[in-house]
């Protein structure tokens, strides 16, 4: 009987992708162990995001906060500022909560235990399995979108996602070896990312080419099947960019809960359904001017369209929300993407 996991590990030993948080197979064989802090950081950043987008953020975070204790002691605003642009900002809030819990409850060391990892803020079943497997080489089945695609094609499984998740997880578990489970988990993800890609899979050079049932049946490009998603609704809102006579800019820190929670942004209105009038909620009385054009941004569950209002205000202006930040202290890079788009529109 073929040992498919061993065949894939042989392929991974030659073709493993180089990533700043990963220990290469040869280095691991020589005795280098993965840093659980780096593994955790990368897994949180990679949620809903690509390796290409994450790499620079990861390197900046590790350079600024080399250990989990350093991150736990960081100022919330500094961490949120470094995260700006990466999206899904609840991850950044949970990053801080988790780092502080590791320091407070585990002596600054990530626990080498799946159940204990699951109790940490922001760590769900996938992330706990990934950390346990990759950082500590414990046998846990790691299933992301790449793994789901590989399993669906290997078994020619046509049940649509998300209903297929338990089926594909069981298939993945059956192939997960007791030896080198961390490397194996990364190998399957690499296979999906580089060869068994969503479109035009490179079946001719795949190490699992022969046993892949979907390749034999000619159905690989159409798998995995997915339940059609409903069209995203559209919401409208207004943001206000006020500049004081001394150059200071009016900004606010958004509430911790909700979209963009804890992030720096422009005061503004609620975001409401698009079939009503554009909402307005100026933070102070001023001669507001609406800019030509609008900001368009897509979140997970809806599209957002924002009007941008700008005004010059006197030194004594007193806003009902937000604080004037001296121009020298303002970094546009600290803004989340949608707020940065509003700033760029104002600058143009």
Foldseek 3Di string as FASTA:
>chain_A
DDQLLVLLLVVCLPDPDDAPQADRPVNVVVPDAGALVSQLVVVLLPVVHDSVVCRVLSVVCCVQQVALVSLLPDDLLVQLLSCFASFPSLSSVLSNQQSVCCVVPVVRGDDLDLVSQCPRGPDHNQSSQLSNCQRVVAQDQHDDPLQLLQQCQLVVPADAPPVCVVVSSVSSSVSQDSPNNNSSNSSSSCCSVPALDQADHPLVPRSCNVSGPCNVVVNSNCPDHHDDDDDAFEWEWEFEWEAEPQGWIFWAQADQDDGSHRAIATDIDDIGGPVDPHDGDDQFDFDKDWAPDWQWDDDPRHIYTYIYIYGYHYPVTDTNGTDTGHPVPDDLSSHHPSRSSSVVSVVD
